[in-house]
């Protein structure tokens, strides 16, 4: 299993100089969470962007990394605003991989529980599910990418029919 970090709110930290939340060029949040588990996982930082800044080239780069990897199971930490777009893109590319996309509505720096829960659920699901596919893991749900969507009004992910 390979965990890929593409940034997003999950990773954001407060910059006291600019006064803004920024996506840093590191894997601090993921490393901090993974340090608390007994198993070791491969982790690679790949994009380090707010998902609103991600474009098709970023998605192609993610697909290329997944394609070239020896692994068949991936956790992708991604911003929630365009998570669905990346999930759709990856689902069109891969039929022989398990890709679980997760993120957080609040930065790990602010709410360690939500980010940790989402990552933990994604890892557990990746180990348990047998079927290849692209899944989204958010707010206590893990579903095929086209069955779970962000409700921007309520600020949470919900099942869609």
N, C-alpha and C. Protein backbone atom coordinates (compact mmCIF):
# COMPACT_ATOMS: atom_id res chain seq x y z
N UNK A 1 0.85 -1.17 0.00
CA UNK A 1 0.00 0.00 0.00
C UNK A 1 0.90 1.24 0.00
N UNK A 2 0.54 2.19 -0.85
CA UNK A 2 1.27 3.44 -0.94
C UNK A 2 0.32 4.59 -0.61
N UNK A 3 0.73 5.45 0.31
CA UNK A 3 -0.05 6.63 0.67
C UNK A 3 0.54 7.82 -0.06
N UNK A 4 -0.31 8.51 -0.83
CA UNK A 4 0.12 9.68 -1.59
C UNK A 4 -0.49 10.93 -0.99
N UNK A 5 0.32 11.94 -0.78
CA UNK A 5 -0.14 13.20 -0.20
C UNK A 5 -0.19 14.25 -1.29
N UNK A 6 -1.40 14.76 -1.56
CA UNK A 6 -1.52 15.82 -2.57
C UNK A 6 -1.90 17.16 -1.93
N UNK A 7 -1.83 17.24 -0.61
CA UNK A 7 -2.10 18.52 0.04
C UNK A 7 -3.51 18.63 0.57
N UNK A 8 -4.18 19.73 0.23
CA UNK A 8 -5.54 19.95 0.67
C UNK A 8 -5.62 20.43 2.11
N UNK A 9 -6.85 20.65 2.55
CA UNK A 9 -7.10 21.15 3.90
C UNK A 9 -6.50 20.23 4.96
N UNK A 10 -6.52 18.93 4.73
CA UNK A 10 -5.95 17.94 5.66
C UNK A 10 -4.59 18.42 6.16
N UNK A 11 -3.77 18.94 5.25
CA UNK A 11 -2.39 19.29 5.53
C UNK A 11 -2.16 20.76 5.90
N UNK A 12 -3.16 21.60 5.76
CA UNK A 12 -2.94 23.04 5.94
C UNK A 12 -2.46 23.39 7.34
N UNK A 13 -1.59 24.41 7.38
CA UNK A 13 -1.10 24.94 8.65
C UNK A 13 -1.14 26.47 8.59
N UNK A 14 -1.28 27.05 9.77
CA UNK A 14 -1.34 28.50 9.88
C UNK A 14 0.06 29.09 9.71
N UNK A 15 0.16 30.08 8.83
CA UNK A 15 1.40 30.82 8.64
C UNK A 15 1.27 32.13 9.42
N UNK A 16 2.01 32.28 10.52
CA UNK A 16 1.85 33.49 11.35
C UNK A 16 2.33 34.77 10.65
N UNK A 17 3.16 34.64 9.64
CA UNK A 17 3.65 35.82 8.93
C UNK A 17 2.58 36.35 7.98
N UNK A 18 1.99 35.45 7.18
CA UNK A 18 0.96 35.88 6.23
C UNK A 18 -0.43 35.93 6.85
N UNK A 19 -0.60 35.22 7.97
CA UNK A 19 -1.91 35.17 8.62
C UNK A 19 -2.89 34.28 7.90
N UNK A 20 -2.39 33.35 7.07
CA UNK A 20 -3.26 32.48 6.27
C UNK A 20 -2.95 31.01 6.53
N UNK A 21 -3.95 30.17 6.24
CA UNK A 21 -3.72 28.73 6.23
C UNK A 21 -3.10 28.39 4.89
N UNK A 22 -2.00 27.64 4.91
CA UNK A 22 -1.29 27.28 3.68
C UNK A 22 -1.02 25.79 3.65
N UNK A 23 -0.88 25.26 2.44
CA UNK A 23 -0.48 23.87 2.28
C UNK A 23 1.05 23.85 2.25
N UNK A 24 1.68 23.32 3.29
CA UNK A 24 3.15 23.30 3.32
C UNK A 24 3.71 22.20 2.41
N UNK A 25 4.94 22.35 2.05
CA UNK A 25 5.61 21.35 1.22
C UNK A 25 6.26 20.29 2.10
N UNK A 26 5.40 19.59 2.86
CA UNK A 26 5.89 18.49 3.70
C UNK A 26 4.75 17.52 3.98
N UNK A 27 5.07 16.46 4.68
CA UNK A 27 4.09 15.42 5.01
C UNK A 27 3.85 15.36 6.52
N UNK A 28 4.03 16.48 7.21
CA UNK A 28 3.98 16.50 8.67
C UNK A 28 2.72 15.84 9.23
N UNK A 29 1.55 16.24 8.75
CA UNK A 29 0.30 15.71 9.31
C UNK A 29 0.24 14.19 9.16
N UNK A 30 0.53 13.69 7.98
CA UNK A 30 0.48 12.24 7.74
C UNK A 30 1.54 11.51 8.55
N UNK A 31 2.73 12.06 8.59
CA UNK A 31 3.79 11.42 9.37
C UNK A 31 3.42 11.35 10.84
N UNK A 32 2.82 12.41 11.35
CA UNK A 32 2.41 12.45 12.76
C UNK A 32 1.37 11.37 13.05
N UNK A 33 0.39 11.23 12.18
CA UNK A 33 -0.64 10.21 12.36
C UNK A 33 -0.03 8.81 12.24
N UNK A 34 0.76 8.59 11.21
CA UNK A 34 1.33 7.26 10.96
C UNK A 34 2.33 6.84 12.03
N UNK A 35 2.95 7.80 12.71
CA UNK A 35 3.86 7.47 13.81
C UNK A 35 3.13 6.77 14.96
N UNK A 36 1.81 6.93 15.03
CA UNK A 36 1.04 6.37 16.13
C UNK A 36 0.53 4.95 15.86
N UNK A 37 0.81 4.41 14.69
CA UNK A 37 0.36 3.06 14.37
C UNK A 37 1.55 2.10 14.31
N UNK A 38 1.28 0.84 14.60
CA UNK A 38 2.34 -0.16 14.65
C UNK A 38 2.86 -0.53 13.26
N UNK A 39 2.00 -0.50 12.27
CA UNK A 39 2.40 -0.86 10.91
C UNK A 39 3.13 0.30 10.25
N UNK A 40 3.98 -0.01 9.31
CA UNK A 40 4.69 1.02 8.54
C UNK A 40 4.11 1.06 7.13
N UNK A 41 3.93 2.26 6.63
CA UNK A 41 3.36 2.46 5.29
C UNK A 41 4.29 3.34 4.48
N UNK A 42 4.37 3.06 3.20
CA UNK A 42 5.12 3.92 2.30
C UNK A 42 4.31 5.20 2.08
N UNK A 43 4.99 6.33 2.13
CA UNK A 43 4.35 7.63 2.01
C UNK A 43 5.14 8.48 1.04
N UNK A 44 4.43 9.12 0.11
CA UNK A 44 5.08 10.02 -0.84
C UNK A 44 4.27 11.29 -0.97
N UNK A 45 4.93 12.41 -0.85
CA UNK A 45 4.29 13.70 -1.11
C UNK A 45 4.43 14.01 -2.58
N UNK A 46 3.31 14.40 -3.22
CA UNK A 46 3.37 14.55 -4.68
C UNK A 46 2.92 15.89 -5.23
N UNK A 47 1.96 16.55 -4.63
CA UNK A 47 1.45 17.78 -5.24
C UNK A 47 1.55 18.98 -4.29
N UNK A 48 1.09 18.86 -3.06
CA UNK A 48 1.12 19.94 -2.08
C UNK A 48 0.36 21.18 -2.53
N UNK A 49 -0.91 21.00 -2.83
CA UNK A 49 -1.75 22.11 -3.27
C UNK A 49 -3.11 22.08 -2.59
N UNK A 50 -3.73 23.23 -2.52
CA UNK A 50 -5.15 23.29 -2.23
C UNK A 50 -5.82 22.66 -3.44
N UNK A 51 -6.83 21.84 -3.24
CA UNK A 51 -7.40 21.13 -4.39
C UNK A 51 -8.03 22.06 -5.41
N UNK A 52 -8.41 23.26 -5.00
CA UNK A 52 -8.95 24.22 -5.98
C UNK A 52 -7.90 24.64 -6.99
N UNK A 53 -6.62 24.47 -6.65
CA UNK A 53 -5.53 24.82 -7.55
C UNK A 53 -5.09 23.65 -8.42
N UNK A 54 -5.61 22.45 -8.15
CA UNK A 54 -5.21 21.28 -8.93
C UNK A 54 -5.80 21.36 -10.33
N UNK A 55 -5.02 20.87 -11.30
CA UNK A 55 -5.48 20.87 -12.68
C UNK A 55 -5.25 19.50 -13.30
N UNK A 56 -5.54 19.38 -14.57
CA UNK A 56 -5.44 18.09 -15.24
C UNK A 56 -4.00 17.57 -15.24
N UNK A 57 -3.02 18.46 -15.30
CA UNK A 57 -1.63 18.02 -15.25
C UNK A 57 -1.30 17.38 -13.90
N UNK A 58 -1.84 17.94 -12.82
CA UNK A 58 -1.64 17.33 -11.50
C UNK A 58 -2.28 15.95 -11.44
N UNK A 59 -3.47 15.83 -12.02
CA UNK A 59 -4.16 14.53 -12.02
C UNK A 59 -3.41 13.51 -12.88
N UNK A 60 -2.85 13.97 -13.98
CA UNK A 60 -2.04 13.07 -14.83
C UNK A 60 -0.79 12.61 -14.09
N UNK A 61 -0.19 13.51 -13.32
CA UNK A 61 0.99 13.15 -12.54
C UNK A 61 0.62 12.10 -11.49
N UNK A 62 -0.50 12.29 -10.80
CA UNK A 62 -0.96 11.29 -9.83
C UNK A 62 -1.18 9.94 -10.51
N UNK A 63 -1.83 9.96 -11.66
CA UNK A 63 -2.09 8.72 -12.40
C UNK A 63 -0.78 8.05 -12.81
N UNK A 64 0.18 8.84 -13.23
CA UNK A 64 1.48 8.30 -13.64
C UNK A 64 2.19 7.62 -12.48
N UNK A 65 2.15 8.24 -11.32
CA UNK A 65 2.78 7.65 -10.13
C UNK A 65 2.09 6.34 -9.78
N UNK A 66 0.78 6.32 -9.82
CA UNK A 66 0.03 5.10 -9.52
C UNK A 66 0.34 4.02 -10.56
N UNK A 67 0.38 4.41 -11.82
CA UNK A 67 0.64 3.46 -12.90
C UNK A 67 2.03 2.82 -12.77
N UNK A 68 3.01 3.62 -12.38
CA UNK A 68 4.39 3.13 -12.31
C UNK A 68 4.71 2.39 -11.01
N UNK A 69 3.82 2.46 -10.05
CA UNK A 69 4.07 1.82 -8.75
C UNK A 69 3.88 0.31 -8.83
N UNK A 70 4.64 -0.39 -8.01
CA UNK A 70 4.49 -1.84 -7.90
C UNK A 70 3.25 -2.20 -7.08
N UNK A 71 2.74 -1.24 -6.32
CA UNK A 71 1.57 -1.47 -5.48
C UNK A 71 0.29 -1.51 -6.31
N UNK A 72 -0.74 -2.13 -5.75
CA UNK A 72 -2.06 -2.09 -6.40
C UNK A 72 -3.09 -1.41 -5.51
N UNK A 73 -2.65 -0.93 -4.32
CA UNK A 73 -3.54 -0.29 -3.38
C UNK A 73 -2.94 1.05 -2.96
N UNK A 74 -3.79 2.09 -3.02
CA UNK A 74 -3.32 3.45 -2.76
C UNK A 74 -4.31 4.20 -1.89
N UNK A 75 -3.77 5.00 -0.99
CA UNK A 75 -4.55 6.00 -0.26
C UNK A 75 -4.08 7.34 -0.81
N UNK A 76 -5.01 8.16 -1.25
CA UNK A 76 -4.67 9.48 -1.76
C UNK A 76 -5.30 10.53 -0.85
N UNK A 77 -4.45 11.29 -0.16
CA UNK A 77 -4.93 12.39 0.67
C UNK A 77 -5.08 13.60 -0.25
N UNK A 78 -6.29 14.16 -0.27
CA UNK A 78 -6.66 15.13 -1.30
C UNK A 78 -7.60 16.17 -0.69
N UNK A 79 -7.57 17.37 -1.20
CA UNK A 79 -8.52 18.39 -0.78
C UNK A 79 -9.94 18.01 -1.16
N UNK A 80 -10.89 18.44 -0.35
CA UNK A 80 -12.28 18.01 -0.54
C UNK A 80 -13.01 18.73 -1.67
N UNK A 81 -12.55 19.93 -2.04
CA UNK A 81 -13.30 20.71 -3.04
C UNK A 81 -13.29 20.07 -4.43
N UNK A 82 -12.20 19.42 -4.80
CA UNK A 82 -12.14 18.79 -6.13
C UNK A 82 -11.82 17.30 -6.05
N UNK A 83 -12.02 16.73 -4.88
CA UNK A 83 -11.80 15.30 -4.68
C UNK A 83 -12.59 14.48 -5.69
N UNK A 84 -13.82 14.88 -5.92
CA UNK A 84 -14.70 14.16 -6.83
C UNK A 84 -14.15 14.18 -8.26
N UNK A 85 -13.59 15.31 -8.68
CA UNK A 85 -13.03 15.42 -10.03
C UNK A 85 -11.83 14.49 -10.20
N UNK A 86 -10.96 14.43 -9.20
CA UNK A 86 -9.81 13.54 -9.28
C UNK A 86 -10.24 12.09 -9.23
N UNK A 87 -11.25 11.79 -8.42
CA UNK A 87 -11.77 10.42 -8.35
C UNK A 87 -12.31 9.98 -9.70
N UNK A 88 -13.07 10.84 -10.34
CA UNK A 88 -13.61 10.51 -11.66
C UNK A 88 -12.48 10.30 -12.67
N UNK A 89 -11.50 11.19 -12.65
CA UNK A 89 -10.36 11.08 -13.56
C UNK A 89 -9.65 9.73 -13.37
N UNK A 90 -9.35 9.40 -12.12
CA UNK A 90 -8.62 8.16 -11.85
C UNK A 90 -9.46 6.93 -12.18
N UNK A 91 -10.76 7.02 -12.00
CA UNK A 91 -11.63 5.88 -12.33
C UNK A 91 -11.65 5.59 -13.82
N UNK A 92 -11.41 6.61 -14.63
CA UNK A 92 -11.36 6.42 -16.08
C UNK A 92 -10.03 5.82 -16.54
N UNK A 93 -9.01 5.92 -15.68
CA UNK A 93 -7.68 5.42 -16.04
C UNK A 93 -7.45 4.00 -15.53
N UNK A 94 -7.95 3.69 -14.32
CA UNK A 94 -7.59 2.44 -13.66
C UNK A 94 -8.78 1.52 -13.43
N UNK A 95 -8.57 0.25 -13.79
CA UNK A 95 -9.52 -0.81 -13.46
C UNK A 95 -8.88 -1.87 -12.58
N UNK A 96 -7.56 -1.80 -12.42
CA UNK A 96 -6.81 -2.84 -11.73
C UNK A 96 -6.09 -2.32 -10.49
N UNK A 97 -6.67 -1.32 -9.84
CA UNK A 97 -6.09 -0.75 -8.64
C UNK A 97 -7.21 -0.42 -7.64
N UNK A 98 -6.84 -0.42 -6.37
CA UNK A 98 -7.73 0.10 -5.33
C UNK A 98 -7.18 1.47 -4.96
N UNK A 99 -8.00 2.49 -5.13
CA UNK A 99 -7.60 3.85 -4.81
C UNK A 99 -8.65 4.43 -3.87
N UNK A 100 -8.23 4.72 -2.66
CA UNK A 100 -9.13 5.29 -1.67
C UNK A 100 -8.70 6.73 -1.43
N UNK A 101 -9.58 7.66 -1.74
CA UNK A 101 -9.28 9.08 -1.61
C UNK A 101 -9.92 9.59 -0.33
N UNK A 102 -9.11 10.28 0.46
CA UNK A 102 -9.61 10.84 1.72
C UNK A 102 -9.05 12.24 1.91
N UNK A 103 -9.59 12.92 2.86
CA UNK A 103 -9.15 14.28 3.15
C UNK A 103 -9.72 14.69 4.49
N UNK A 104 -9.88 15.99 4.67
CA UNK A 104 -10.45 16.50 5.91
C UNK A 104 -11.13 17.83 5.64
N UNK A 105 -12.20 18.08 6.36
CA UNK A 105 -12.90 19.35 6.26
C UNK A 105 -12.17 20.43 7.07
N UNK A 106 -11.41 20.00 8.07
CA UNK A 106 -10.62 20.91 8.91
C UNK A 106 -9.16 20.46 8.90
N UNK A 107 -8.21 21.37 8.92
CA UNK A 107 -6.81 20.99 8.93
C UNK A 107 -6.45 20.13 10.15
N UNK A 108 -5.54 19.19 9.97
CA UNK A 108 -5.03 18.37 11.06
C UNK A 108 -4.52 19.25 12.19
N UNK A 109 -3.91 20.37 11.87
CA UNK A 109 -3.38 21.28 12.88
C UNK A 109 -4.49 21.80 13.80
N UNK A 110 -5.70 21.91 13.28
CA UNK A 110 -6.83 22.43 14.05
C UNK A 110 -7.66 21.31 14.67
N UNK A 111 -7.89 20.23 13.92
CA UNK A 111 -8.72 19.11 14.38
C UNK A 111 -8.01 17.80 14.06
N UNK A 112 -7.23 17.31 15.00
CA UNK A 112 -6.46 16.09 14.77
C UNK A 112 -7.34 14.85 14.65
N UNK A 113 -8.52 14.90 15.25
CA UNK A 113 -9.39 13.72 15.26
C UNK A 113 -9.97 13.43 13.89
N UNK A 114 -10.56 14.41 13.23
CA UNK A 114 -11.20 14.16 11.93
C UNK A 114 -10.21 13.61 10.91
N UNK A 115 -9.07 14.28 10.75
CA UNK A 115 -8.07 13.84 9.78
C UNK A 115 -7.58 12.43 10.10
N UNK A 116 -7.32 12.17 11.39
CA UNK A 116 -6.83 10.85 11.81
C UNK A 116 -7.87 9.77 11.55
N UNK A 117 -9.13 10.08 11.87
CA UNK A 117 -10.21 9.12 11.64
C UNK A 117 -10.33 8.79 10.15
N UNK A 118 -10.34 9.82 9.31
CA UNK A 118 -10.49 9.59 7.87
C UNK A 118 -9.33 8.75 7.32
N UNK A 119 -8.11 9.08 7.72
CA UNK A 119 -6.97 8.30 7.24
C UNK A 119 -7.03 6.87 7.76
N UNK A 120 -7.36 6.70 9.04
CA UNK A 120 -7.46 5.36 9.61
C UNK A 120 -8.53 4.52 8.92
N UNK A 121 -9.68 5.13 8.67
CA UNK A 121 -10.75 4.41 7.97
C UNK A 121 -10.31 4.02 6.56
N UNK A 122 -9.63 4.92 5.88
CA UNK A 122 -9.16 4.64 4.52
C UNK A 122 -8.19 3.47 4.51
N UNK A 123 -7.27 3.46 5.46
CA UNK A 123 -6.30 2.35 5.54
C UNK A 123 -7.02 1.04 5.84
N UNK A 124 -7.91 1.04 6.81
CA UNK A 124 -8.65 -0.18 7.15
C UNK A 124 -9.48 -0.69 5.99
N UNK A 125 -10.16 0.22 5.31
CA UNK A 125 -10.96 -0.18 4.16
C UNK A 125 -10.08 -0.75 3.06
N UNK A 126 -8.95 -0.09 2.80
CA UNK A 126 -8.04 -0.57 1.74
C UNK A 126 -7.58 -1.99 2.02
N UNK A 127 -7.38 -2.32 3.28
CA UNK A 127 -6.95 -3.67 3.64
C UNK A 127 -8.09 -4.67 3.54
N UNK A 128 -9.31 -4.24 3.76
CA UNK A 128 -10.45 -5.15 3.82
C UNK A 128 -11.13 -5.39 2.48
N UNK A 129 -11.21 -4.36 1.64
CA UNK A 129 -11.97 -4.49 0.39
C UNK A 129 -11.19 -5.33 -0.62
N UNK A 130 -11.89 -6.17 -1.33
CA UNK A 130 -11.25 -7.03 -2.33
C UNK A 130 -11.36 -6.44 -3.74
N UNK A 131 -12.43 -5.68 -4.00
CA UNK A 131 -12.69 -5.19 -5.34
C UNK A 131 -11.86 -3.96 -5.66
N UNK A 132 -11.28 -3.98 -6.86
CA UNK A 132 -10.60 -2.79 -7.35
C UNK A 132 -11.63 -1.70 -7.61
N UNK A 133 -11.18 -0.46 -7.56
CA UNK A 133 -12.05 0.66 -7.84
C UNK A 133 -11.52 1.91 -7.17
N UNK A 134 -12.22 3.00 -7.40
CA UNK A 134 -11.88 4.28 -6.78
C UNK A 134 -12.97 4.59 -5.77
N UNK A 135 -12.57 4.84 -4.54
CA UNK A 135 -13.48 5.06 -3.44
C UNK A 135 -13.17 6.41 -2.78
N UNK A 136 -14.18 6.98 -2.15
CA UNK A 136 -13.99 8.17 -1.34
C UNK A 136 -14.30 7.80 0.11
N UNK A 137 -13.42 8.21 1.01
CA UNK A 137 -13.57 7.95 2.44
C UNK A 137 -13.63 9.30 3.16
N UNK A 138 -14.83 9.65 3.62
CA UNK A 138 -15.02 10.93 4.33
C UNK A 138 -16.18 10.80 5.30
N UNK A 139 -16.07 11.46 6.42
CA UNK A 139 -17.16 11.62 7.40
C UNK A 139 -17.81 10.30 7.81
N UNK A 140 -17.02 9.26 7.99
CA UNK A 140 -17.55 7.98 8.43
C UNK A 140 -18.08 7.09 7.32
N UNK A 141 -17.96 7.52 6.09
CA UNK A 141 -18.39 6.74 4.93
C UNK A 141 -17.19 6.34 4.09
N UNK A 142 -17.27 5.17 3.48
CA UNK A 142 -16.36 4.78 2.41
C UNK A 142 -17.24 4.17 1.33
N UNK A 143 -17.28 4.84 0.18
CA UNK A 143 -18.17 4.42 -0.90
C UNK A 143 -17.46 4.56 -2.24
N UNK A 144 -17.96 3.86 -3.27
CA UNK A 144 -17.44 4.14 -4.61
C UNK A 144 -17.54 5.63 -4.89
N UNK A 145 -16.59 6.16 -5.62
CA UNK A 145 -16.45 7.61 -5.80
C UNK A 145 -17.73 8.31 -6.24
N UNK A 146 -18.54 7.63 -7.03
CA UNK A 146 -19.75 8.28 -7.55
C UNK A 146 -20.96 8.13 -6.63
N UNK A 147 -20.76 7.59 -5.44
CA UNK A 147 -21.86 7.41 -4.48
C UNK A 147 -21.72 8.31 -3.24
N UNK A 148 -20.64 9.09 -3.20
CA UNK A 148 -20.41 9.96 -2.05
C UNK A 148 -19.97 11.33 -2.57
N UNK A 149 -20.63 12.37 -2.09
CA UNK A 149 -20.38 13.70 -2.64
C UNK A 149 -20.39 14.74 -1.53
N UNK A 150 -19.62 15.80 -1.72
CA UNK A 150 -19.58 16.88 -0.74
C UNK A 150 -20.82 17.76 -0.86
N UNK A 151 -21.53 17.91 0.25
CA UNK A 151 -22.65 18.84 0.33
C UNK A 151 -22.06 20.15 0.83
N UNK A 152 -21.89 21.09 -0.08
CA UNK A 152 -21.23 22.36 0.25
C UNK A 152 -22.07 23.23 1.19
N UNK A 153 -23.38 23.06 1.17
CA UNK A 153 -24.25 23.85 2.06
C UNK A 153 -24.08 23.37 3.51
N UNK A 154 -24.06 22.05 3.71
CA UNK A 154 -23.95 21.49 5.06
C UNK A 154 -22.51 21.28 5.50
N UNK A 155 -21.57 21.33 4.54
CA UNK A 155 -20.16 21.14 4.88
C UNK A 155 -19.81 19.73 5.30
N UNK A 156 -20.42 18.74 4.63
CA UNK A 156 -20.11 17.35 4.93
C UNK A 156 -20.37 16.50 3.69
N UNK A 157 -19.87 15.28 3.72
CA UNK A 157 -20.07 14.35 2.60
C UNK A 157 -21.31 13.52 2.87
N UNK A 158 -22.05 13.24 1.79
CA UNK A 158 -23.30 12.48 1.91
C UNK A 158 -23.39 11.45 0.78
N UNK A 159 -24.16 10.42 1.06
CA UNK A 159 -24.46 9.40 0.05
C UNK A 159 -25.35 10.02 -1.00
N UNK A 160 -25.06 9.74 -2.27
CA UNK A 160 -25.92 10.18 -3.37
C UNK A 160 -26.43 8.95 -4.10
N UNK A 161 -27.61 9.06 -4.62
CA UNK A 161 -28.22 7.92 -5.34
C UNK A 161 -28.04 8.09 -6.83
